[in-house]
PDB file of N, CA and C in Angstrom:
ATOM      1  N   UNK A   1     132.945   2.687  49.931  1.00  0.00           N
ATOM      2  CA  UNK A   1     134.045   2.261  50.776  1.00  0.00           C
ATOM      3  C   UNK A   1     133.622   0.986  51.484  1.00  0.00           C
ATOM      4  N   UNK A   2     134.479   0.025  51.499  1.00  0.00           N
ATOM      5  CA  UNK A   2     134.198  -1.252  52.136  1.00  0.00           C
ATOM      6  C   UNK A   2     134.872  -1.291  53.492  1.00  0.00           C
ATOM      7  N   UNK A   3     134.242  -1.943  54.465  1.00  0.00           N
ATOM      8  CA  UNK A   3     134.857  -2.093  55.772  1.00  0.00           C
ATOM      9  C   UNK A   3     133.830  -2.138  56.880  1.00  0.00           C
ATOM     10  N   UNK A   4     134.299  -2.270  58.079  1.00  0.00           N
ATOM     11  CA  UNK A   4     133.457  -2.307  59.275  1.00  0.00           C
ATOM     12  C   UNK A   4     133.037  -0.878  59.605  1.00  0.00           C
ATOM     13  N   UNK A   5     131.756  -0.596  59.535  1.00  0.00           N
ATOM     14  CA  UNK A   5     131.279   0.779  59.735  1.00  0.00           C
ATOM     15  C   UNK A   5     131.476   1.283  61.161  1.00  0.00           C
ATOM     16  N   UNK A   6     131.797   0.393  62.079  1.00  0.00           N
ATOM     17  CA  UNK A   6     132.029   0.813  63.462  1.00  0.00           C
ATOM     18  C   UNK A   6     133.512   0.942  63.801  1.00  0.00           C
ATOM     19  N   UNK A   7     134.384   0.413  62.936  1.00  0.00           N
ATOM     20  CA  UNK A   7     135.820   0.454  63.224  1.00  0.00           C
ATOM     21  C   UNK A   7     136.613   1.257  62.198  1.00  0.00           C
ATOM     22  N   UNK A   8     136.227   1.164  60.952  1.00  0.00           N
ATOM     23  CA  UNK A   8     136.978   1.854  59.890  1.00  0.00           C
ATOM     24  C   UNK A   8     136.801   3.367  59.993  1.00  0.00           C
ATOM     25  N   UNK A   9     137.838   4.083  59.605  1.00  0.00           N
ATOM     26  CA  UNK A   9     137.737   5.542  59.545  1.00  0.00           C
ATOM     27  C   UNK A   9     136.901   5.884  58.328  1.00  0.00           C
ATOM     28  N   UNK A  10     135.797   6.567  58.548  1.00  0.00           N
ATOM     29  CA  UNK A  10     134.926   6.936  57.440  1.00  0.00           C
ATOM     30  C   UNK A  10     135.431   8.219  56.805  1.00  0.00           C
ATOM     31  N   UNK A  11     135.480   8.263  55.480  1.00  0.00           N
ATOM     32  CA  UNK A  11     135.967   9.473  54.809  1.00  0.00           C
ATOM     33  C   UNK A  11     134.983  10.620  54.993  1.00  0.00           C
ATOM     34  N   UNK A  12     135.490  11.837  55.106  1.00  0.00           N
ATOM     35  CA  UNK A  12     134.640  12.990  55.321  1.00  0.00           C
ATOM     36  C   UNK A  12     134.408  13.828  54.086  1.00  0.00           C
ATOM     37  N   UNK A  13     134.906  13.397  52.951  1.00  0.00           N
ATOM     38  CA  UNK A  13     134.808  14.231  51.756  1.00  0.00           C
ATOM     39  C   UNK A  13     133.693  13.795  50.806  1.00  0.00           C
ATOM     40  N   UNK A  14     132.734  13.048  51.287  1.00  0.00           N
ATOM     41  CA  UNK A  14     131.628  12.597  50.440  1.00  0.00           C
ATOM     42  C   UNK A  14     130.396  13.448  50.693  1.00  0.00           C
ATOM     43  N   UNK A  15     129.593  13.630  49.657  1.00  0.00           N
ATOM     44  CA  UNK A  15     128.351  14.373  49.847  1.00  0.00           C
ATOM     45  C   UNK A  15     127.126  13.459  49.852  1.00  0.00           C
ATOM     46  N   UNK A  16     127.343  12.147  49.627  1.00  0.00           N
ATOM     47  CA  UNK A  16     126.272  11.160  49.707  1.00  0.00           C
ATOM     48  C   UNK A  16     126.817   9.893  50.361  1.00  0.00           C
ATOM     49  N   UNK A  17     126.073   9.375  51.314  1.00  0.00           N
ATOM     50  CA  UNK A  17     126.410   8.103  51.953  1.00  0.00           C
ATOM     51  C   UNK A  17     125.267   7.130  51.679  1.00  0.00           C
ATOM     52  N   UNK A  18     125.592   5.939  51.225  1.00  0.00           N
ATOM     53  CA  UNK A  18     124.596   4.921  50.936  1.00  0.00           C
ATOM     54  C   UNK A  18     124.772   3.768  51.915  1.00  0.00           C
ATOM     55  N   UNK A  19     123.733   3.512  52.687  1.00  0.00           N
ATOM     56  CA  UNK A  19     123.711   2.357  53.580  1.00  0.00           C
ATOM     57  C   UNK A  19     122.566   1.462  53.113  1.00  0.00           C
ATOM     58  N   UNK A  20     122.922   0.392  52.429  1.00  0.00           N
ATOM     59  CA  UNK A  20     121.916  -0.482  51.841  1.00  0.00           C
ATOM     60  C   UNK A  20     121.900  -1.831  52.548  1.00  0.00           C
ATOM     61  N   UNK A  21     120.740  -2.200  53.041  1.00  0.00           N
ATOM     62  CA  UNK A  21     120.514  -3.498  53.675  1.00  0.00           C
ATOM     63  C   UNK A  21     121.456  -3.745  54.851  1.00  0.00           C
ATOM     64  N   UNK A  22     121.670  -2.708  55.629  1.00  0.00           N
ATOM     65  CA  UNK A  22     122.506  -2.799  56.823  1.00  0.00           C
ATOM     66  C   UNK A  22     121.673  -2.684  58.092  1.00  0.00           C
ATOM     67  N   UNK A  23     120.710  -1.786  58.075  1.00  0.00           N
ATOM     68  CA  UNK A  23     119.931  -1.470  59.281  1.00  0.00           C
ATOM     69  C   UNK A  23     119.274  -2.717  59.875  1.00  0.00           C
ATOM     70  N   UNK A  24     118.735  -3.589  59.048  1.00  0.00           N
ATOM     71  CA  UNK A  24     117.987  -4.740  59.567  1.00  0.00           C
ATOM     72  C   UNK A  24     118.867  -5.798  60.246  1.00  0.00           C
ATOM     73  N   UNK A  25     120.181  -5.726  60.096  1.00  0.00           N
ATOM     74  CA  UNK A  25     121.038  -6.701  60.774  1.00  0.00           C
ATOM     75  C   UNK A  25     121.578  -6.178  62.104  1.00  0.00           C
ATOM     76  N   UNK A  26     121.256  -4.932  62.437  1.00  0.00           N
ATOM     77  CA  UNK A  26     121.773  -4.302  63.656  1.00  0.00           C
ATOM     78  C   UNK A  26     120.659  -4.045  64.668  1.00  0.00           C
ATOM     79  N   UNK A  27     121.039  -3.942  65.916  1.00  0.00           N
ATOM     80  CA  UNK A  27     120.088  -3.571  66.969  1.00  0.00           C
ATOM     81  C   UNK A  27     119.754  -2.091  66.839  1.00  0.00           C
ATOM     82  N   UNK A  28     118.710  -1.669  67.511  1.00  0.00           N
ATOM     83  CA  UNK A  28     118.331  -0.254  67.501  1.00  0.00           C
ATOM     84  C   UNK A  28     119.474   0.616  68.027  1.00  0.00           C
ATOM     85  N   UNK A  29     120.141   0.185  69.088  1.00  0.00           N
ATOM     86  CA  UNK A  29     121.236   0.988  69.641  1.00  0.00           C
ATOM     87  C   UNK A  29     122.416   1.067  68.682  1.00  0.00           C
ATOM     88  N   UNK A  30     122.707  -0.017  67.967  1.00  0.00           N
ATOM     89  CA  UNK A  30     123.781   0.026  66.979  1.00  0.00           C
ATOM     90  C   UNK A  30     123.407   0.909  65.793  1.00  0.00           C
ATOM     91  N   UNK A  31     122.145   0.909  65.409  1.00  0.00           N
ATOM     92  CA  UNK A  31     121.712   1.792  64.319  1.00  0.00           C
ATOM     93  C   UNK A  31     121.814   3.257  64.727  1.00  0.00           C
ATOM     94  N   UNK A  32     121.473   3.558  65.955  1.00  0.00           N
ATOM     95  CA  UNK A  32     121.614   4.928  66.446  1.00  0.00           C
ATOM     96  C   UNK A  32     123.090   5.348  66.419  1.00  0.00           C
ATOM     97  N   UNK A  33     123.961   4.453  66.843  1.00  0.00           N
ATOM     98  CA  UNK A  33     125.404   4.718  66.798  1.00  0.00           C
ATOM     99  C   UNK A  33     125.875   4.912  65.356  1.00  0.00           C
ATOM    100  N   UNK A  34     125.366   4.101  64.438  1.00  0.00           N
ATOM    101  CA  UNK A  34     125.735   4.212  63.032  1.00  0.00           C
ATOM    102  C   UNK A  34     125.304   5.565  62.455  1.00  0.00           C
ATOM    103  N   UNK A  35     124.099   6.000  62.758  1.00  0.00           N
ATOM    104  CA  UNK A  35     123.633   7.308  62.263  1.00  0.00           C
ATOM    105  C   UNK A  35     124.488   8.438  62.838  1.00  0.00           C
ATOM    106  N   UNK A  36     124.828   8.324  64.091  1.00  0.00           N
ATOM    107  CA  UNK A  36     125.666   9.341  64.746  1.00  0.00           C
ATOM    108  C   UNK A  36     127.063   9.360  64.115  1.00  0.00           C
ATOM    109  N   UNK A  37     127.602   8.191  63.901  1.00  0.00           N
ATOM    110  CA  UNK A  37     128.958   8.074  63.335  1.00  0.00           C
ATOM    111  C   UNK A  37     129.011   8.602  61.907  1.00  0.00           C
ATOM    112  N   UNK A  38     128.021   8.275  61.098  1.00  0.00           N
ATOM    113  CA  UNK A  38     128.029   8.760  59.726  1.00  0.00           C
ATOM    114  C   UNK A  38     127.838  10.276  59.682  1.00  0.00           C
ATOM    115  N   UNK A  39     126.990  10.806  60.546  1.00  0.00           N
ATOM    116  CA  UNK A  39     126.760  12.257  60.552  1.00  0.00           C
ATOM    117  C   UNK A  39     128.022  13.015  60.937  1.00  0.00           C
ATOM    118  N   UNK A  40     128.819  12.449  61.813  1.00  0.00           N
ATOM    119  CA  UNK A  40     130.040  13.114  62.275  1.00  0.00           C
ATOM    120  C   UNK A  40     131.088  13.249  61.170  1.00  0.00           C
ATOM    121  N   UNK A  41     130.929  12.509  60.078  1.00  0.00           N
ATOM    122  CA  UNK A  41     131.952  12.511  59.024  1.00  0.00           C
ATOM    123  C   UNK A  41     131.647  13.431  57.853  1.00  0.00           C
ATOM    124  N   UNK A  42     130.438  13.986  57.787  1.00  0.00           N
ATOM    125  CA  UNK A  42     130.062  14.758  56.601  1.00  0.00           C
ATOM    126  C   UNK A  42     129.683  16.192  56.958  1.00  0.00           C
ATOM    127  N   UNK A  43     129.716  17.048  55.952  1.00  0.00           N
ATOM    128  CA  UNK A  43     129.325  18.448  56.113  1.00  0.00           C
ATOM    129  C   UNK A  43     127.796  18.570  56.051  1.00  0.00           C
ATOM    130  N   UNK A  44     127.288  19.703  56.521  1.00  0.00           N
ATOM    131  CA  UNK A  44     125.860  19.998  56.415  1.00  0.00           C
ATOM    132  C   UNK A  44     125.436  19.912  54.955  1.00  0.00           C
ATOM    133  N   UNK A  45     124.263  19.446  54.726  1.00  0.00           N
ATOM    134  CA  UNK A  45     123.606  19.251  53.429  1.00  0.00           C
ATOM    135  C   UNK A  45     124.013  17.961  52.722  1.00  0.00           C
ATOM    136  N   UNK A  46     124.941  17.187  53.270  1.00  0.00           N
ATOM    137  CA  UNK A  46     125.240  15.868  52.700  1.00  0.00           C
ATOM    138  C   UNK A  46     123.984  15.004  52.813  1.00  0.00           C
ATOM    139  N   UNK A  47     123.867  14.036  51.943  1.00  0.00           N
ATOM    140  CA  UNK A  47     122.691  13.155  51.936  1.00  0.00           C
ATOM    141  C   UNK A  47     123.050  11.775  52.471  1.00  0.00           C
ATOM    142  N   UNK A  48     122.096  11.194  53.180  1.00  0.00           N
ATOM    143  CA  UNK A  48     122.187   9.818  53.653  1.00  0.00           C
ATOM    144  C   UNK A  48     121.062   9.048  52.981  1.00  0.00           C
ATOM    145  N   UNK A  49     121.409   7.975  52.289  1.00  0.00           N
ATOM    146  CA  UNK A  49     120.431   7.131  51.617  1.00  0.00           C
ATOM    147  C   UNK A  49     120.358   5.811  52.364  1.00  0.00           C
ATOM    148  N   UNK A  50     119.214   5.548  52.954  1.00  0.00           N
ATOM    149  CA  UNK A  50     119.002   4.325  53.727  1.00  0.00           C
ATOM    150  C   UNK A  50     118.049   3.409  52.971  1.00  0.00           C
ATOM    151  N   UNK A  51     118.583   2.332  52.422  1.00  0.00           N
ATOM    152  CA  UNK A  51     117.771   1.356  51.707  1.00  0.00           C
ATOM    153  C   UNK A  51     117.590   0.162  52.626  1.00  0.00           C
ATOM    154  N   UNK A  52     116.333  -0.150  52.917  1.00  0.00           N
ATOM    155  CA  UNK A  52     116.066  -1.302  53.769  1.00  0.00           C
ATOM    156  C   UNK A  52     114.594  -1.669  53.675  1.00  0.00           C
ATOM    157  N   UNK A  53     114.182  -2.613  54.493  1.00  0.00           N
ATOM    158  CA  UNK A  53     112.801  -3.089  54.523  1.00  0.00           C
ATOM    159  C   UNK A  53     112.013  -2.319  55.577  1.00  0.00           C
ATOM    160  N   UNK A  54     111.779  -1.054  55.346  1.00  0.00           N
ATOM    161  CA  UNK A  54     111.081  -0.205  56.312  1.00  0.00           C
ATOM    162  C   UNK A  54     109.613  -0.605  56.401  1.00  0.00           C
ATOM    163  N   UNK A  55     109.116  -0.700  57.611  1.00  0.00           N
ATOM    164  CA  UNK A  55     107.714  -1.076  57.824  1.00  0.00           C
ATOM    165  C   UNK A  55     106.905   0.124  58.296  1.00  0.00           C
ATOM    166  N   UNK A  56     105.603  -0.107  58.443  1.00  0.00           N
ATOM    167  CA  UNK A  56     104.745   0.903  59.049  1.00  0.00           C
ATOM    168  C   UNK A  56     104.926   0.841  60.569  1.00  0.00           C
ATOM    169  N   UNK A  57     104.224   1.691  61.293  1.00  0.00           N
ATOM    170  CA  UNK A  57     104.421   1.767  62.753  1.00  0.00           C
ATOM    171  C   UNK A  57     103.999   0.505  63.490  1.00  0.00           C
ATOM    172  N   UNK A  58     103.160  -0.329  62.880  1.00  0.00           N
ATOM    173  CA  UNK A  58     102.736  -1.573  63.532  1.00  0.00           C
ATOM    174  C   UNK A  58     103.662  -2.745  63.205  1.00  0.00           C
ATOM    175  N   UNK A  59     104.646  -2.513  62.369  1.00  0.00           N
ATOM    176  CA  UNK A  59     105.582  -3.550  61.912  1.00  0.00           C
ATOM    177  C   UNK A  59     104.878  -4.672  61.160  1.00  0.00           C
ATOM    178  N   UNK A  60     103.750  -4.380  60.529  1.00  0.00           N
ATOM    179  CA  UNK A  60     103.013  -5.420  59.809  1.00  0.00           C
ATOM    180  C   UNK A  60     102.919  -5.190  58.300  1.00  0.00           C
ATOM    181  N   UNK A  61     103.268  -4.012  57.828  1.00  0.00           N
ATOM    182  CA  UNK A  61     103.221  -3.695  56.400  1.00  0.00           C
ATOM    183  C   UNK A  61     104.559  -3.120  55.957  1.00  0.00           C
ATOM    184  N   UNK A  62     105.097  -3.522  54.856  1.00  0.00           N
ATOM    185  CA  UNK A  62     104.602  -4.561  53.957  1.00  0.00           C
ATOM    186  C   UNK A  62     104.788  -5.949  54.578  1.00  0.00           C
ATOM    187  N   UNK A  63     103.889  -6.866  54.254  1.00  0.00           N
ATOM    188  CA  UNK A  63     103.915  -8.195  54.878  1.00  0.00           C
ATOM    189  C   UNK A  63     105.247  -8.930  54.730  1.00  0.00           C
ATOM    190  N   UNK A  64     105.875  -8.862  53.576  1.00  0.00           N
ATOM    191  CA  UNK A  64     107.143  -9.579  53.379  1.00  0.00           C
ATOM    192  C   UNK A  64     108.208  -9.079  54.347  1.00  0.00           C
ATOM    193  N   UNK A  65     108.258  -7.786  54.566  1.00  0.00           N
ATOM    194  CA  UNK A  65     109.242  -7.221  55.501  1.00  0.00           C
ATOM    195  C   UNK A  65     108.941  -7.674  56.922  1.00  0.00           C
ATOM    196  N   UNK A  66     107.682  -7.673  57.280  1.00  0.00           N
ATOM    197  CA  UNK A  66     107.293  -8.103  58.626  1.00  0.00           C
ATOM    198  C   UNK A  66     107.654  -9.571  58.860  1.00  0.00           C
ATOM    199  N   UNK A  67     107.427 -10.408  57.870  1.00  0.00           N
ATOM    200  CA  UNK A  67     107.735 -11.836  58.009  1.00  0.00           C
ATOM    201  C   UNK A  67     109.234 -12.099  58.109  1.00  0.00           C
ATOM    202  N   UNK A  68     110.037 -11.269  57.488  1.00  0.00           N
ATOM    203  CA  UNK A  68     111.483 -11.473  57.506  1.00  0.00           C
ATOM    204  C   UNK A  68     112.127 -11.005  58.808  1.00  0.00           C
ATOM    205  N   UNK A  69     111.427 -10.243  59.598  1.00  0.00           N
ATOM    206  CA  UNK A  69     111.995  -9.679  60.814  1.00  0.00           C
ATOM    207  C   UNK A  69     112.540 -10.759  61.758  1.00  0.00           C
ATOM    208  N   UNK A  70     111.778 -11.799  61.971  1.00  0.00           N
ATOM    209  CA  UNK A  70     112.236 -12.884  62.838  1.00  0.00           C
ATOM    210  C   UNK A  70     113.469 -13.582  62.291  1.00  0.00           C
ATOM    211  N   UNK A  71     113.529 -13.734  60.991  1.00  0.00           N
ATOM    212  CA  UNK A  71     114.687 -14.358  60.364  1.00  0.00           C
ATOM    213  C   UNK A  71     115.946 -13.534  60.605  1.00  0.00           C
ATOM    214  N   UNK A  72     115.828 -12.203  60.516  1.00  0.00           N
ATOM    215  CA  UNK A  72     116.991 -11.347  60.750  1.00  0.00           C
ATOM    216  C   UNK A  72     117.494 -11.502  62.175  1.00  0.00           C
ATOM    217  N   UNK A  73     116.593 -11.586  63.124  1.00  0.00           N
ATOM    218  CA  UNK A  73     116.983 -11.748  64.522  1.00  0.00           C
ATOM    219  C   UNK A  73     117.669 -13.093  64.735  1.00  0.00           C
ATOM    220  N   UNK A  74     117.120 -14.146  64.161  1.00  0.00           N
ATOM    221  CA  UNK A  74     117.719 -15.472  64.327  1.00  0.00           C
ATOM    222  C   UNK A  74     119.084 -15.575  63.656  1.00  0.00           C
ATOM    223  N   UNK A  75     119.224 -15.007  62.467  1.00  0.00           N
ATOM    224  CA  UNK A  75     120.483 -15.113  61.726  1.00  0.00           C
ATOM    225  C   UNK A  75     121.575 -14.230  62.307  1.00  0.00           C
ATOM    226  N   UNK A  76     121.237 -13.012  62.653  1.00  0.00           N
ATOM    227  CA  UNK A  76     122.255 -12.065  63.081  1.00  0.00           C
ATOM    228  C   UNK A  76     122.381 -11.904  64.581  1.00  0.00           C
ATOM    229  N   UNK A  77     121.364 -12.300  65.305  1.00  0.00           N
ATOM    230  CA  UNK A  77     121.416 -12.215  66.752  1.00  0.00           C
ATOM    231  C   UNK A  77     120.957 -10.898  67.338  1.00  0.00           C
ATOM    232  N   UNK A  78     120.736  -9.878  66.495  1.00  0.00           N
ATOM    233  CA  UNK A  78     120.290  -8.612  67.060  1.00  0.00           C
ATOM    234  C   UNK A  78     119.379  -7.812  66.140  1.00  0.00           C
ATOM    235  N   UNK A  79     119.321  -8.113  64.881  1.00  0.00           N
ATOM    236  CA  UNK A  79     118.569  -7.291  63.940  1.00  0.00           C
ATOM    237  C   UNK A  79     117.105  -7.647  63.830  1.00  0.00           C
ATOM    238  N   UNK A  80     116.384  -6.798  63.115  1.00  0.00           N
ATOM    239  CA  UNK A  80     114.974  -6.993  62.802  1.00  0.00           C
ATOM    240  C   UNK A  80     114.589  -5.941  61.775  1.00  0.00           C
ATOM    241  N   UNK A  81     113.381  -6.008  61.258  1.00  0.00           N
ATOM    242  CA  UNK A  81     112.933  -4.900  60.427  1.00  0.00           C
ATOM    243  C   UNK A  81     112.481  -3.786  61.361  1.00  0.00           C
ATOM    244  N   UNK A  82     112.670  -2.561  60.912  1.00  0.00           N
ATOM    245  CA  UNK A  82     112.316  -1.393  61.716  1.00  0.00           C
ATOM    246  C   UNK A  82     111.317  -0.542  60.953  1.00  0.00           C
ATOM    247  N   UNK A  83     110.565   0.225  61.700  1.00  0.00           N
ATOM    248  CA  UNK A  83     109.577   1.101  61.081  1.00  0.00           C
ATOM    249  C   UNK A  83     110.215   2.401  60.602  1.00  0.00           C
ATOM    250  N   UNK A  84     109.532   3.037  59.692  1.00  0.00           N
ATOM    251  CA  UNK A  84     109.957   4.348  59.222  1.00  0.00           C
ATOM    252  C   UNK A  84     110.011   5.331  60.396  1.00  0.00           C
ATOM    253  N   UNK A  85     109.090   5.210  61.332  1.00  0.00           N
ATOM    254  CA  UNK A  85     109.067   6.096  62.496  1.00  0.00           C
ATOM    255  C   UNK A  85     110.300   5.899  63.376  1.00  0.00           C
ATOM    256  N   UNK A  86     110.762   4.658  63.511  1.00  0.00           N
ATOM    257  CA  UNK A  86     111.994   4.415  64.265  1.00  0.00           C
ATOM    258  C   UNK A  86     113.182   5.077  63.581  1.00  0.00           C
ATOM    259  N   UNK A  87     113.241   4.956  62.259  1.00  0.00           N
ATOM    260  CA  UNK A  87     114.319   5.612  61.506  1.00  0.00           C
ATOM    261  C   UNK A  87     114.249   7.126  61.695  1.00  0.00           C
ATOM    262  N   UNK A  88     113.046   7.677  61.669  1.00  0.00           N
ATOM    263  CA  UNK A  88     112.871   9.121  61.872  1.00  0.00           C
ATOM    264  C   UNK A  88     113.449   9.550  63.218  1.00  0.00           C
ATOM    265  N   UNK A  89     113.200   8.766  64.255  1.00  0.00           N
ATOM    266  CA  UNK A  89     113.723   9.081  65.592  1.00  0.00           C
ATOM    267  C   UNK A  89     115.247   9.049  65.603  1.00  0.00           C
ATOM    268  N   UNK A  90     115.841   8.014  65.016  1.00  0.00           N
ATOM    269  CA  UNK A  90     117.306   7.912  64.971  1.00  0.00           C
ATOM    270  C   UNK A  90     117.895   9.100  64.228  1.00  0.00           C
ATOM    271  N   UNK A  91     117.309   9.420  63.094  1.00  0.00           N
ATOM    272  CA  UNK A  91     117.819  10.532  62.289  1.00  0.00           C
ATOM    273  C   UNK A  91     117.730  11.840  63.070  1.00  0.00           C
ATOM    274  N   UNK A  92     116.596  12.081  63.699  1.00  0.00           N
ATOM    275  CA  UNK A  92     116.406  13.312  64.459  1.00  0.00           C
ATOM    276  C   UNK A  92     117.349  13.447  65.632  1.00  0.00           C
ATOM    277  N   UNK A  93     117.721  12.337  66.243  1.00  0.00           N
ATOM    278  CA  UNK A  93     118.627  12.347  67.400  1.00  0.00           C
ATOM    279  C   UNK A  93     120.092  12.503  67.005  1.00  0.00           C
ATOM    280  N   UNK A  94     120.400  12.347  65.724  1.00  0.00           N
ATOM    281  CA  UNK A  94     121.803  12.297  65.322  1.00  0.00           C
ATOM    282  C   UNK A  94     122.204  13.349  64.285  1.00  0.00           C
ATOM    283  N   UNK A  95     121.374  14.355  64.085  1.00  0.00           N
ATOM    284  CA  UNK A  95     121.758  15.443  63.202  1.00  0.00           C
ATOM    285  C   UNK A  95     121.371  15.285  61.746  1.00  0.00           C
ATOM    286  N   UNK A  96     120.411  14.421  61.476  1.00  0.00           N
ATOM    287  CA  UNK A  96     119.893  14.234  60.123  1.00  0.00           C
ATOM    288  C   UNK A  96     118.435  14.683  60.091  1.00  0.00           C
ATOM    289  N   UNK A  97     117.978  15.153  58.939  1.00  0.00           N
ATOM    290  CA  UNK A  97     116.568  15.500  58.732  1.00  0.00           C
ATOM    291  C   UNK A  97     116.058  14.677  57.560  1.00  0.00           C
ATOM    292  N   UNK A  98     115.007  13.910  57.814  1.00  0.00           N
ATOM    293  CA  UNK A  98     114.439  13.095  56.731  1.00  0.00           C
ATOM    294  C   UNK A  98     113.784  14.008  55.712  1.00  0.00           C
ATOM    295  N   UNK A  99     114.091  13.749  54.445  1.00  0.00           N
ATOM    296  CA  UNK A  99     113.501  14.508  53.352  1.00  0.00           C
ATOM    297  C   UNK A  99     112.336  13.768  52.716  1.00  0.00           C
ATOM    298  N   UNK A 100     112.497  12.455  52.528  1.00  0.00           N
ATOM    299  CA  UNK A 100     111.437  11.689  51.895  1.00  0.00           C
ATOM    300  C   UNK A 100     111.681  10.193  52.020  1.00  0.00           C
ATOM    301  N   UNK A 101     110.634   9.435  51.736  1.00  0.00           N
ATOM    302  CA  UNK A 101     110.720   7.984  51.623  1.00  0.00           C
ATOM    303  C   UNK A 101     110.162   7.611  50.263  1.00  0.00           C
ATOM    304  N   UNK A 102     110.914   6.786  49.546  1.00  0.00           N
ATOM    305  CA  UNK A 102     110.508   6.374  48.204  1.00  0.00           C
ATOM    306  C   UNK A 102     110.412   4.852  48.151  1.00  0.00           C
ATOM    307  N   UNK A 103     109.337   4.324  47.595  1.00  0.00           N
ATOM    308  CA  UNK A 103     109.245   2.868  47.428  1.00  0.00           C
ATOM    309  C   UNK A 103     110.219   2.401  46.357  1.00  0.00           C
ATOM    310  N   UNK A 104     110.720   1.207  46.533  1.00  0.00           N
ATOM    311  CA  UNK A 104     111.585   0.553  45.556  1.00  0.00           C
ATOM    312  C   UNK A 104     110.910  -0.742  45.132  1.00  0.00           C
ATOM    313  N   UNK A 105     111.349  -1.361  44.064  1.00  0.00           N
ATOM    314  CA  UNK A 105     110.754  -2.643  43.673  1.00  0.00           C
ATOM    315  C   UNK A 105     110.855  -3.661  44.809  1.00  0.00           C
ATOM    316  N   UNK A 106     109.833  -4.463  44.973  1.00  0.00           N
ATOM    317  CA  UNK A 106     109.804  -5.439  46.061  1.00  0.00           C
ATOM    318  C   UNK A 106     109.355  -4.797  47.353  1.00  0.00           C
ATOM    319  N   UNK A 107     109.895  -5.255  48.466  1.00  0.00           N
ATOM    320  CA  UNK A 107     109.476  -4.772  49.786  1.00  0.00           C
ATOM    321  C   UNK A 107     110.353  -3.654  50.338  1.00  0.00           C
ATOM    322  N   UNK A 108     111.462  -3.385  49.705  1.00  0.00           N
ATOM    323  CA  UNK A 108     112.387  -2.359  50.218  1.00  0.00           C
ATOM    324  C   UNK A 108     111.907  -0.953  49.853  1.00  0.00           C
ATOM    325  N   UNK A 109     112.419   0.001  50.602  1.00  0.00           N
ATOM    326  CA  UNK A 109     112.169   1.398  50.270  1.00  0.00           C
ATOM    327  C   UNK A 109     113.393   2.206  50.655  1.00  0.00           C
ATOM    328  N   UNK A 110     113.428   3.437  50.195  1.00  0.00           N
ATOM    329  CA  UNK A 110     114.580   4.323  50.393  1.00  0.00           C
ATOM    330  C   UNK A 110     114.154   5.494  51.257  1.00  0.00           C
ATOM    331  N   UNK A 111     114.910   5.748  52.305  1.00  0.00           N
ATOM    332  CA  UNK A 111     114.737   6.958  53.112  1.00  0.00           C
ATOM    333  C   UNK A 111     115.905   7.871  52.768  1.00  0.00           C
ATOM    334  N   UNK A 112     115.586   9.098  52.383  1.00  0.00           N
ATOM    335  CA  UNK A 112     116.583  10.107  52.033  1.00  0.00           C
ATOM    336  C   UNK A 112     116.617  11.135  53.168  1.00  0.00           C
ATOM    337  N   UNK A 113     117.805  11.356  53.720  1.00  0.00           N
ATOM    338  CA  UNK A 113     117.968  12.343  54.808  1.00  0.00           C
ATOM    339  C   UNK A 113     119.084  13.297  54.452  1.00  0.00           C
ATOM    340  N   UNK A 114     119.040  14.465  55.079  1.00  0.00           N
ATOM    341  CA  UNK A 114     120.033  15.507  54.854  1.00  0.00           C
ATOM    342  C   UNK A 114     120.693  15.861  56.174  1.00  0.00           C
ATOM    343  N   UNK A 115     122.010  16.018  56.142  1.00  0.00           N
ATOM    344  CA  UNK A 115     122.759  16.431  57.345  1.00  0.00           C
ATOM    345  C   UNK A 115     122.404  17.877  57.671  1.00  0.00           C
ATOM    346  N   UNK A 116     122.080  18.133  58.936  1.00  0.00           N
ATOM    347  CA  UNK A 116     121.744  19.499  59.357  1.00  0.00           C
ATOM    348  C   UNK A 116     122.787  20.026  60.326  1.00  0.00           C
TER     349      UNK A 116
END
C-alpha cells in the first residue's frame, strides 16, 4: 500500500507488513509512533519486516551504515541510522516481539518481528 504512513488508514487484513528503508529517515520518536501505529492495525502473530541499515550498539558497524547516518540527518532533517538494540526497544514498547535479524546483501539487514 502506498501513502503517508502517519496519515493514511492502514489496512488491518494483512498478515505481513514490510517497511523498507523508512526507519533511517525518521526520528526515534516518529519510529516509535510508526511501530505503534502498525501494530494497532494487525492481529496477533502478524509479521513486521523491517529492512534498513541496522548498526551495532556503538553505531559504528557496519561502517557503510555508520557513515551514511550523517547524510540521512542532513537530507531529511531528522533521520539517522539506528542500532538493532534501539529497534528492539521500539518493538518491545509497541506490542511486537523480535524473532530474528538476517543480513542482506550490502549493509542492510532485516529484522523480523511478530505481533503479540
